C-alpha atoms as a PDB file:
ATOM      1  CA  MET A   1     -18.476   8.277  40.711  1.00  0.00           C
ATOM      2  CA  ALA A   2     -21.259   6.422  42.473  1.00  0.00           C
ATOM      3  CA  LYS A   3     -23.056   3.566  40.709  1.00  0.00           C
ATOM      4  CA  ILE A   4     -26.088   4.775  38.752  1.00  0.00           C
ATOM      5  CA  THR A   5     -29.210   3.202  40.230  1.00  0.00           C
ATOM      6  CA  ALA A   6     -32.233   2.155  38.210  1.00  0.00           C
ATOM      7  CA  GLU A   7     -34.293   4.717  40.139  1.00  0.00           C
ATOM      8  CA  ASN A   8     -31.941   7.575  39.224  1.00  0.00           C
ATOM      9  CA  ARG A   9     -31.823   6.446  35.615  1.00  0.00           C
ATOM     10  CA  ALA A  10     -35.616   6.411  35.477  1.00  0.00           C
ATOM     11  CA  LEU A  11     -35.800   9.850  37.098  1.00  0.00           C
ATOM     12  CA  PHE A  12     -33.278  11.232  34.598  1.00  0.00           C
ATOM     13  CA  ASN A  13     -35.203   9.837  31.634  1.00  0.00           C
ATOM     14  CA  LEU A  14     -38.394  11.332  33.016  1.00  0.00           C
ATOM     15  CA  LYS A  15     -36.807  14.761  33.479  1.00  0.00           C
ATOM     16  CA  ILE A  16     -35.240  14.950  30.034  1.00  0.00           C
ATOM     17  CA  GLY A  17     -38.364  13.743  28.213  1.00  0.00           C
ATOM     18  CA  PRO A  18     -39.818  17.225  27.601  1.00  0.00           C
ATOM     19  CA  PHE A  19     -36.410  18.508  26.481  1.00  0.00           C
ATOM     20  CA  LYS A  20     -36.064  15.695  23.940  1.00  0.00           C
ATOM     21  CA  THR A  21     -39.481  16.613  22.595  1.00  0.00           C
ATOM     22  CA  GLU A  22     -38.443  20.263  22.261  1.00  0.00           C
ATOM     23  CA  VAL A  23     -35.222  19.261  20.498  1.00  0.00           C
ATOM     24  CA  ASN A  24     -37.170  17.175  17.976  1.00  0.00           C
ATOM     25  CA  LYS A  25     -39.505  20.105  17.294  1.00  0.00           C
ATOM     26  CA  ILE A  26     -36.572  22.429  16.629  1.00  0.00           C
ATOM     27  CA  PHE A  27     -34.933  20.005  14.200  1.00  0.00           C
ATOM     28  CA  GLU A  28     -38.266  19.480  12.441  1.00  0.00           C
ATOM     29  CA  LYS A  29     -38.545  23.252  12.113  1.00  0.00           C
ATOM     30  CA  GLU A  30     -34.999  23.360  10.737  1.00  0.00           C
ATOM     31  CA  LYS A  31     -35.842  20.712   8.135  1.00  0.00           C
ATOM     32  CA  SER A  32     -38.962  22.612   7.082  1.00  0.00           C
ATOM     33  CA  MET A  33     -36.975  25.818   6.711  1.00  0.00           C
ATOM     34  CA  LEU A  34     -34.301  24.088   4.620  1.00  0.00           C
ATOM     35  CA  ASP A  35     -37.009  22.589   2.412  1.00  0.00           C
ATOM     36  CA  LEU A  36     -38.466  26.074   1.982  1.00  0.00           C
ATOM     37  CA  ILE A  37     -35.037  27.481   1.070  1.00  0.00           C
ATOM     38  CA  ALA A  38     -34.646  24.744  -1.552  1.00  0.00           C
ATOM     39  CA  ARG A  39     -37.987  25.713  -3.117  1.00  0.00           C
ATOM     40  CA  ASP A  40     -37.813  29.498  -2.704  1.00  0.00           C
ATOM     41  CA  ASN A  41     -34.562  31.461  -2.948  1.00  0.00           C
ATOM     42  CA  THR A  42     -35.982  34.751  -1.677  1.00  0.00           C
ATOM     43  CA  GLY A  43     -34.736  36.023   1.667  1.00  0.00           C
ATOM     44  CA  ILE A  44     -32.326  33.128   2.139  1.00  0.00           C
ATOM     45  CA  ALA A  45     -29.972  35.197   4.304  1.00  0.00           C
ATOM     46  CA  TYR A  46     -32.769  36.057   6.757  1.00  0.00           C
ATOM     47  CA  LYS A  47     -33.927  32.447   6.878  1.00  0.00           C
ATOM     48  CA  LYS A  48     -30.414  31.240   7.665  1.00  0.00           C
ATOM     49  CA  PHE A  49     -30.085  33.883  10.361  1.00  0.00           C
ATOM     50  CA  LEU A  50     -33.206  32.391  11.965  1.00  0.00           C
ATOM     51  CA  LEU A  51     -31.740  28.899  11.629  1.00  0.00           C
ATOM     52  CA  ALA A  52     -28.590  30.041  13.417  1.00  0.00           C
ATOM     53  CA  GLU A  53     -30.731  31.370  16.261  1.00  0.00           C
ATOM     54  CA  GLU A  54     -32.547  28.024  16.460  1.00  0.00           C
ATOM     55  CA  MET A  55     -29.242  26.136  16.670  1.00  0.00           C
ATOM     56  CA  ILE A  56     -28.090  28.359  19.527  1.00  0.00           C
ATOM     57  CA  HIS A  57     -31.388  27.703  21.294  1.00  0.00           C
ATOM     58  CA  VAL A  58     -31.163  23.935  20.830  1.00  0.00           C
ATOM     59  CA  THR A  59     -27.633  23.991  22.245  1.00  0.00           C
ATOM     60  CA  THR A  60     -28.965  25.513  25.462  1.00  0.00           C
ATOM     61  CA  ILE A  61     -31.356  22.558  25.698  1.00  0.00           C
ATOM     62  CA  PHE A  62     -28.532  20.049  25.230  1.00  0.00           C
ATOM     63  CA  LEU A  63     -26.629  21.847  28.004  1.00  0.00           C
ATOM     64  CA  THR A  64     -29.668  21.590  30.280  1.00  0.00           C
ATOM     65  CA  MET A  65     -29.860  17.852  29.583  1.00  0.00           C
ATOM     66  CA  ASN A  66     -26.201  17.497  30.514  1.00  0.00           C
ATOM     67  CA  ASN A  67     -26.727  19.517  33.698  1.00  0.00           C
ATOM     68  CA  LEU A  68     -29.567  17.188  34.683  1.00  0.00           C
ATOM     69  CA  SER A  69     -27.295  14.204  34.096  1.00  0.00           C
ATOM     70  CA  VAL A  70     -24.621  15.698  36.362  1.00  0.00           C
ATOM     71  CA  GLU A  71     -27.228  16.531  39.008  1.00  0.00           C
ATOM     72  CA  ILE A  72     -29.115  13.223  38.997  1.00  0.00           C
ATOM     73  CA  LEU A  73     -26.578  10.662  37.748  1.00  0.00           C
ATOM     74  CA  ASP A  74     -23.382  12.403  38.872  1.00  0.00           C
ATOM     75  CA  THR A  75     -21.896  12.038  35.394  1.00  0.00           C
ATOM     76  CA  LYS A  76     -21.670  14.083  32.207  1.00  0.00           C
ATOM     77  CA  ASN A  77     -23.984  13.245  29.349  1.00  0.00           C
ATOM     78  CA  THR A  78     -21.445  13.145  26.533  1.00  0.00           C
ATOM     79  CA  GLU A  79     -24.138  12.482  23.946  1.00  0.00           C
ATOM     80  CA  SER A  80     -25.895  15.746  24.784  1.00  0.00           C
ATOM     81  CA  LEU A  81     -22.621  17.656  24.868  1.00  0.00           C
ATOM     82  CA  ASN A  82     -21.588  16.297  21.473  1.00  0.00           C
ATOM     83  CA  ASP A  83     -25.005  17.134  20.052  1.00  0.00           C
ATOM     84  CA  GLY A  84     -24.579  20.658  21.424  1.00  0.00           C
ATOM     85  CA  ARG A  85     -21.114  20.947  19.881  1.00  0.00           C
ATOM     86  CA  LYS A  86     -22.515  19.852  16.508  1.00  0.00           C
ATOM     87  CA  ALA A  87     -25.372  22.373  16.789  1.00  0.00           C
ATOM     88  CA  ILE A  88     -22.842  25.151  17.401  1.00  0.00           C
ATOM     89  CA  TYR A  89     -21.042  24.157  14.206  1.00  0.00           C
ATOM     90  CA  LYS A  90     -24.347  24.342  12.356  1.00  0.00           C
ATOM     91  CA  ALA A  91     -25.074  27.817  13.751  1.00  0.00           C
ATOM     92  CA  ILE A  92     -21.646  28.984  12.604  1.00  0.00           C
ATOM     93  CA  ILE A  93     -22.083  27.441   9.154  1.00  0.00           C
ATOM     94  CA  TYR A  94     -25.466  29.124   8.674  1.00  0.00           C
ATOM     95  CA  LEU A  95     -23.902  32.493   9.508  1.00  0.00           C
ATOM     96  CA  GLU A  96     -20.902  31.790   7.275  1.00  0.00           C
ATOM     97  CA  ASP A  97     -23.348  31.066   4.451  1.00  0.00           C
ATOM     98  CA  ILE A  98     -24.705  34.586   4.922  1.00  0.00           C
ATOM     99  CA  VAL A  99     -21.564  36.700   5.343  1.00  0.00           C
ATOM    100  CA  THR A 100     -18.690  34.393   4.240  1.00  0.00           C
ATOM    101  CA  ASP A 101     -15.812  32.940   6.244  1.00  0.00           C
ATOM    102  CA  TYR A 102     -13.248  35.490   4.999  1.00  0.00           C
ATOM    103  CA  ILE A 103     -10.717  36.325   7.714  1.00  0.00           C
ATOM    104  CA  ASP A 104      -8.345  39.064   6.552  1.00  0.00           C
ATOM    105  CA  VAL A 105      -9.865  40.786   3.527  1.00  0.00           C
ATOM    106  CA  PRO A 106     -11.189  44.291   2.779  1.00  0.00           C
ATOM    107  CA  PHE A 107     -14.836  44.829   3.681  1.00  0.00           C
ATOM    108  CA  SER A 108     -15.580  45.445   0.000  1.00  0.00           C
ATOM    109  CA  ASP A 109     -14.873  41.751  -0.682  1.00  0.00           C
ATOM    110  CA  TYR A 110     -18.017  40.685   1.174  1.00  0.00           C
ATOM    111  CA  SER A 111     -20.057  43.891   1.601  1.00  0.00           C
ATOM    112  CA  ASP A 112     -22.654  42.610  -0.888  1.00  0.00           C
ATOM    113  CA  LYS A 113     -23.301  39.654   1.426  1.00  0.00           C
ATOM    114  CA  VAL A 114     -23.732  41.884   4.479  1.00  0.00           C
ATOM    115  CA  ALA A 115     -26.129  44.053   2.473  1.00  0.00           C
ATOM    116  CA  GLU A 116     -28.466  41.056   2.191  1.00  0.00           C
ATOM    117  CA  ILE A 117     -29.253  41.334   5.919  1.00  0.00           C
ATOM    118  CA  SER A 118     -29.489  45.132   5.998  1.00  0.00           C
ATOM    119  CA  ASN A 119     -32.893  44.966   7.685  1.00  0.00           C
ATOM    120  CA  ILE A 120     -31.494  43.149  10.708  1.00  0.00           C
ATOM    121  CA  PRO A 121     -30.644  45.866  13.275  1.00  0.00           C
ATOM    122  CA  LEU A 122     -27.069  46.086  14.495  1.00  0.00           C
ATOM    123  CA  GLU A 123     -28.251  45.458  18.038  1.00  0.00           C
ATOM    124  CA  LYS A 124     -29.777  42.118  17.003  1.00  0.00           C
ATOM    125  CA  ARG A 125     -26.572  41.070  15.255  1.00  0.00           C
ATOM    126  CA  TYR A 126     -24.583  41.991  18.352  1.00  0.00           C
ATOM    127  CA  LEU A 127     -27.032  39.988  20.459  1.00  0.00           C
ATOM    128  CA  ILE A 128     -26.666  36.801  18.413  1.00  0.00           C
ATOM    129  CA  VAL A 129     -22.878  37.163  18.576  1.00  0.00           C
ATOM    130  CA  ARG A 130     -22.996  37.470  22.356  1.00  0.00           C
ATOM    131  CA  LYS A 131     -25.372  34.500  22.659  1.00  0.00           C
ATOM    132  CA  LEU A 132     -23.214  32.334  20.430  1.00  0.00           C
ATOM    133  CA  GLY A 133     -20.051  33.337  22.275  1.00  0.00           C
ATOM    134  CA  LEU A 134     -21.646  32.500  25.617  1.00  0.00           C
ATOM    135  CA  ILE A 135     -22.934  29.116  24.496  1.00  0.00           C
ATOM    136  CA  ILE A 136     -19.497  28.202  23.122  1.00  0.00           C
ATOM    137  CA  GLN A 137     -17.941  29.046  26.489  1.00  0.00           C
ATOM    138  CA  LEU A 138     -20.579  27.013  28.361  1.00  0.00           C
ATOM    139  CA  ILE A 139     -20.095  23.961  26.135  1.00  0.00           C
ATOM    140  CA  MET A 140     -16.319  24.177  26.528  1.00  0.00           C
ATOM    141  CA  LYS A 141     -16.684  24.402  30.302  1.00  0.00           C
ATOM    142  CA  ALA A 142     -19.081  21.459  30.358  1.00  0.00           C
ATOM    143  CA  PHE A 143     -16.663  19.282  28.381  1.00  0.00           C
ATOM    144  CA  GLY A 144     -13.833  20.213  30.742  1.00  0.00           C
ATOM    145  CA  GLU A 145     -10.208  21.211  30.301  1.00  0.00           C
ATOM    146  CA  ASN A 146      -9.013  17.665  29.529  1.00  0.00           C
ATOM    147  CA  SER A 147     -11.623  16.899  26.883  1.00  0.00           C
ATOM    148  CA  LYS A 148     -10.476  15.230  23.664  1.00  0.00           C
ATOM    149  CA  TRP A 149     -12.218  18.135  21.882  1.00  0.00           C
ATOM    150  CA  LYS A 150     -10.028  20.749  23.578  1.00  0.00           C
ATOM    151  CA  TRP A 151      -8.075  21.722  20.473  1.00  0.00           C
ATOM    152  CA  SER A 152     -11.044  21.418  18.118  1.00  0.00           C
ATOM    153  CA  PHE A 153     -12.622  24.340  19.957  1.00  0.00           C
ATOM    154  CA  VAL A 154      -9.815  26.528  18.595  1.00  0.00           C
ATOM    155  CA  GLU A 155     -11.432  26.176  15.182  1.00  0.00           C
ATOM    156  CA  ILE A 156     -14.906  26.866  16.578  1.00  0.00           C
ATOM    157  CA  GLN A 157     -13.684  29.995  18.357  1.00  0.00           C
ATOM    158  CA  GLY A 158     -11.799  31.152  15.273  1.00  0.00           C
ATOM    159  CA  ARG A 159     -14.762  30.720  12.958  1.00  0.00           C
ATOM    160  CA  PHE A 160     -16.931  32.443  15.560  1.00  0.00           C
ATOM    161  CA  ALA A 161     -14.543  35.411  15.613  1.00  0.00           C
ATOM    162  CA  THR A 162     -14.674  35.576  11.819  1.00  0.00           C
ATOM    163  CA  ILE A 163     -18.457  35.649  11.524  1.00  0.00           C
ATOM    164  CA  SER A 164     -18.678  38.123  14.398  1.00  0.00           C
ATOM    165  CA  LYS A 165     -16.513  40.469  12.325  1.00  0.00           C
ATOM    166  CA  ASN A 166     -18.305  39.748   9.065  1.00  0.00           C
ATOM    167  CA  LEU A 167     -21.824  40.258  10.407  1.00  0.00           C
ATOM    168  CA  ILE A 168     -21.213  43.967  10.977  1.00  0.00           C
ATOM    169  CA  ASP A 169     -21.422  46.536   8.174  1.00  0.00           C
ATOM    170  CA  LEU A 170     -17.973  48.042   8.706  1.00  0.00           C
ATOM    171  CA  LYS A 171     -18.643  51.022   6.464  1.00  0.00           C
ATOM    172  CA  GLU A 172     -21.635  52.099   8.559  1.00  0.00           C
ATOM    173  CA  ALA A 173     -20.033  50.998  11.813  1.00  0.00           C
ATOM    174  CA  ILE A 174     -17.016  53.263  11.350  1.00  0.00           C
ATOM    175  CA  LYS A 175     -19.358  56.216  10.813  1.00  0.00           C
ATOM    176  CA  SER A 176     -21.299  55.412  14.002  1.00  0.00           C
ATOM    177  CA  TYR A 177     -18.105  54.734  15.972  1.00  0.00           C
ATOM    178  CA  PHE A 178     -16.905  58.303  15.448  1.00  0.00           C
ATOM    179  CA  ASP A 179     -20.321  59.928  15.900  1.00  0.00           C
ATOM    180  CA  PRO A 180     -21.654  59.940  19.498  1.00  0.00           C
ATOM    181  CA  ARG A 181     -24.947  61.298  18.147  1.00  0.00           C
ATOM    182  CA  SER A 182     -25.574  58.145  16.144  1.00  0.00           C
ATOM    183  CA  PRO A 183     -28.344  55.914  17.565  1.00  0.00           C
ATOM    184  CA  ASP A 184     -25.983  52.958  17.007  1.00  0.00           C
ATOM    185  CA  TYR A 185     -22.997  54.620  18.676  1.00  0.00           C
ATOM    186  CA  GLU A 186     -22.980  52.657  21.938  1.00  0.00           C
ATOM    187  CA  VAL A 187     -23.655  49.207  20.475  1.00  0.00           C
ATOM    188  CA  THR A 188     -21.099  49.867  17.713  1.00  0.00           C
ATOM    189  CA  VAL A 189     -18.377  50.725  20.230  1.00  0.00           C
ATOM    190  CA  TYR A 190     -19.075  47.597  22.283  1.00  0.00           C
ATOM    191  CA  TYR A 191     -19.362  45.410  19.188  1.00  0.00           C
ATOM    192  CA  LEU A 192     -16.083  46.583  17.640  1.00  0.00           C
ATOM    193  CA  ARG A 193     -14.272  46.169  20.953  1.00  0.00           C
ATOM    194  CA  LEU A 194     -15.588  42.600  21.119  1.00  0.00           C
ATOM    195  CA  ILE A 195     -14.477  41.881  17.543  1.00  0.00           C
ATOM    196  CA  LYS A 196     -10.938  43.059  18.317  1.00  0.00           C
ATOM    197  CA  LYS A 197     -10.841  40.889  21.435  1.00  0.00           C
ATOM    198  CA  LEU A 198     -12.100  37.800  19.582  1.00  0.00           C
ATOM    199  CA  LEU A 199      -9.619  38.211  16.737  1.00  0.00           C
ATOM    200  CA  GLU A 200      -6.742  38.613  19.172  1.00  0.00           C
ATOM    201  CA  GLN A 201      -7.822  35.543  21.138  1.00  0.00           C
ATOM    202  CA  SER A 202      -8.138  33.469  17.973  1.00  0.00           C
ATOM    203  CA  ALA A 203      -4.649  34.461  16.859  1.00  0.00           C
ATOM    204  CA  ASP A 204      -3.205  33.406  20.206  1.00  0.00           C
ATOM    205  CA  ARG A 205      -5.223  30.173  20.351  1.00  0.00           C
ATOM    206  CA  TYR A 206      -4.108  29.061  16.893  1.00  0.00           C
ATOM    207  CA  ARG A 207      -0.507  29.821  17.849  1.00  0.00           C
ATOM    208  CA  ASP A 208      -1.013  27.757  21.032  1.00  0.00           C
ATOM    209  CA  ARG A 209      -2.483  24.877  19.051  1.00  0.00           C
ATOM    210  CA  TYR A 210       0.511  24.957  16.739  1.00  0.00           C
ATOM    211  CA  GLU A 211       3.072  25.045  19.562  1.00  0.00           C
ATOM    212  CA  LEU A 212       1.372  22.630  21.981  1.00  0.00           C
ATOM    213  CA  SER A 213      -0.485  20.205  19.739  1.00  0.00           C
ATOM    214  CA  THR A 214      -0.413  20.016  15.956  1.00  0.00           C
ATOM    215  CA  ARG A 215       2.848  21.660  14.784  1.00  0.00           C
ATOM    216  CA  ARG A 216       0.930  22.216  11.548  1.00  0.00           C
ATOM    217  CA  MET A 217       1.924  25.260   9.511  1.00  0.00           C
ATOM    218  CA  ASP A 218      -1.684  25.966   8.519  1.00  0.00           C
ATOM    219  CA  ASP A 219      -2.467  26.579  12.198  1.00  0.00           C
ATOM    220  CA  PHE A 220       0.410  29.057  12.399  1.00  0.00           C
ATOM    221  CA  ARG A 221      -0.752  30.765   9.186  1.00  0.00           C
ATOM    222  CA  LEU A 222      -4.286  31.074  10.548  1.00  0.00           C
ATOM    223  CA  GLY A 223      -2.894  32.650  13.706  1.00  0.00           C
ATOM    224  CA  ILE A 224      -1.112  35.235  11.581  1.00  0.00           C
ATOM    225  CA  ASN A 225      -4.261  35.829   9.507  1.00  0.00           C
ATOM    226  CA  TYR A 226      -6.204  36.591  12.672  1.00  0.00           C
ATOM    227  CA  LEU A 227      -3.500  39.025  13.766  1.00  0.00           C
ATOM    228  CA  LEU A 228      -3.773  40.819  10.427  1.00  0.00           C
ATOM    229  CA  ALA A 229      -7.577  40.895  10.608  1.00  0.00           C
ATOM    230  CA  TRP A 230      -7.283  42.447  14.075  1.00  0.00           C
ATOM    231  CA  ARG A 231      -4.815  44.995  12.694  1.00  0.00           C
ATOM    232  CA  ARG A 232      -7.182  45.831   9.827  1.00  0.00           C
ATOM    233  CA  ILE A 233      -9.886  46.802  12.339  1.00  0.00           C
ATOM    234  CA  CYS A 234      -7.417  48.940  14.287  1.00  0.00           C
ATOM    235  CA  VAL A 235      -6.425  50.795  11.103  1.00  0.00           C
ATOM    236  CA  LEU A 236     -10.074  51.534  10.353  1.00  0.00           C
ATOM    237  CA  LEU A 237     -10.465  52.913  13.885  1.00  0.00           C
ATOM    238  CA  ASN A 238      -7.344  55.098  13.540  1.00  0.00           C
ATOM    239  CA  GLU A 239      -5.701  53.179  16.377  1.00  0.00           C
ATOM    240  CA  ASN A 240      -2.314  53.542  14.738  1.00  0.00           C
ATOM    241  CA  ASP A 241      -0.058  52.618  17.641  1.00  0.00           C
ATOM    242  CA  GLU A 242      -1.947  49.378  18.269  1.00  0.00           C
ATOM    243  CA  ALA A 243      -1.979  48.617  14.551  1.00  0.00           C
ATOM    244  CA  GLU A 244       1.796  49.089  14.372  1.00  0.00           C
ATOM    245  CA  ASN A 245       2.371  46.804  17.379  1.00  0.00           C
ATOM    246  CA  ILE A 246       0.222  44.101  15.808  1.00  0.00           C
ATOM    247  CA  LYS A 247       2.139  44.456  12.540  1.00  0.00           C
ATOM    248  CA  LYS A 248       5.436  43.932  14.381  1.00  0.00           C
ATOM    249  CA  LYS A 249       3.995  40.898  16.164  1.00  0.00           C
ATOM    250  CA  ALA A 250       2.817  39.430  12.844  1.00  0.00           C
ATOM    251  CA  ILE A 251       6.301  39.913  11.365  1.00  0.00           C
ATOM    252  CA  VAL A 252       7.900  38.100  14.328  1.00  0.00           C
ATOM    253  CA  TRP A 253       5.388  35.246  13.993  1.00  0.00           C
ATOM    254  CA  LYS A 254       5.986  34.957  10.255  1.00  0.00           C
ATOM    255  CA  GLU A 255       9.745  34.819  10.763  1.00  0.00           C
ATOM    256  CA  LYS A 256       9.295  32.093  13.387  1.00  0.00           C
ATOM    257  CA  MET A 257       6.986  30.143  11.083  1.00  0.00           C
ATOM    258  CA  GLU A 258       9.452  30.339   8.189  1.00  0.00           C
ATOM    259  CA  ALA A 259      12.328  29.280  10.454  1.00  0.00           C
ATOM    260  CA  ASP A 260      10.340  26.286  11.730  1.00  0.00           C
ATOM    261  CA  GLN A 261       9.432  25.387   8.164  1.00  0.00           C
ATOM    262  CA  LYS A 262      13.105  25.305   7.153  1.00  0.00           C
ATOM    263  CA  VAL A 263      13.924  23.075  10.117  1.00  0.00           C
ATOM    264  CA  ASN A 264      11.136  20.697   9.129  1.00  0.00           C
ATOM    265  CA  GLU A 265      12.342  20.557   5.548  1.00  0.00           C
ATOM    266  CA  LYS A 266      15.870  19.633   6.688  1.00  0.00           C
ATOM    267  CA  LYS A 267      14.467  16.746   8.742  1.00  0.00           C
ATOM    268  CA  ARG A 268      12.824  15.159   5.703  1.00  0.00           C
END
């Protein structure tokens, strides 16, 4: 990496000035919204949905600031990347506040929460999921494969998969999925396919984190929970062969986890 000159540093600071201003405005707006929520408990779910959208937007700004640093200074701006990572967490937390962080449970366990955002069209929910998924991928890419945050992104991706599943009204979605005449048919099909993919990926990533990094049983258990959540969706969609294969995989994983646990107990 070339030495950063005073001229380049000055140019970088000049370029990111407007973005810093925009970031401050967004966080001021967030604070105002949180103050409003504290005073008025009506429509909290909708307000938090808006806050999640704002956090996704501010993350794009932090990414732009990092890109400018790479372009002008030939180095990553770790401060901007970390701020973006924190904003993603906030977006996820706001959405969890709305529809819970339940992984493998019946829809009836959180359907009352989903009902609170019934006026948000399915297409808009699908859009925020796609935006959040994209921004997570961009932040991960910007940090790089060897980042110290590599394994922490497993949690981010897992929680993202969970809220993606929980944002959809499964009762209505199943109806639309099997009815090509439904106005929500196409978006429902794409959305449910995405949910299955995200749950599968989260299961595999938690298993990877267990095997390659933490060796913590809670990571293995979470991997199994994501498998079972994926299977639950397949059962609802009458995809019986896939559901049975996932069940067998979950059994194999559980047996491996229990065997590892016994080995660990003998070592103590």
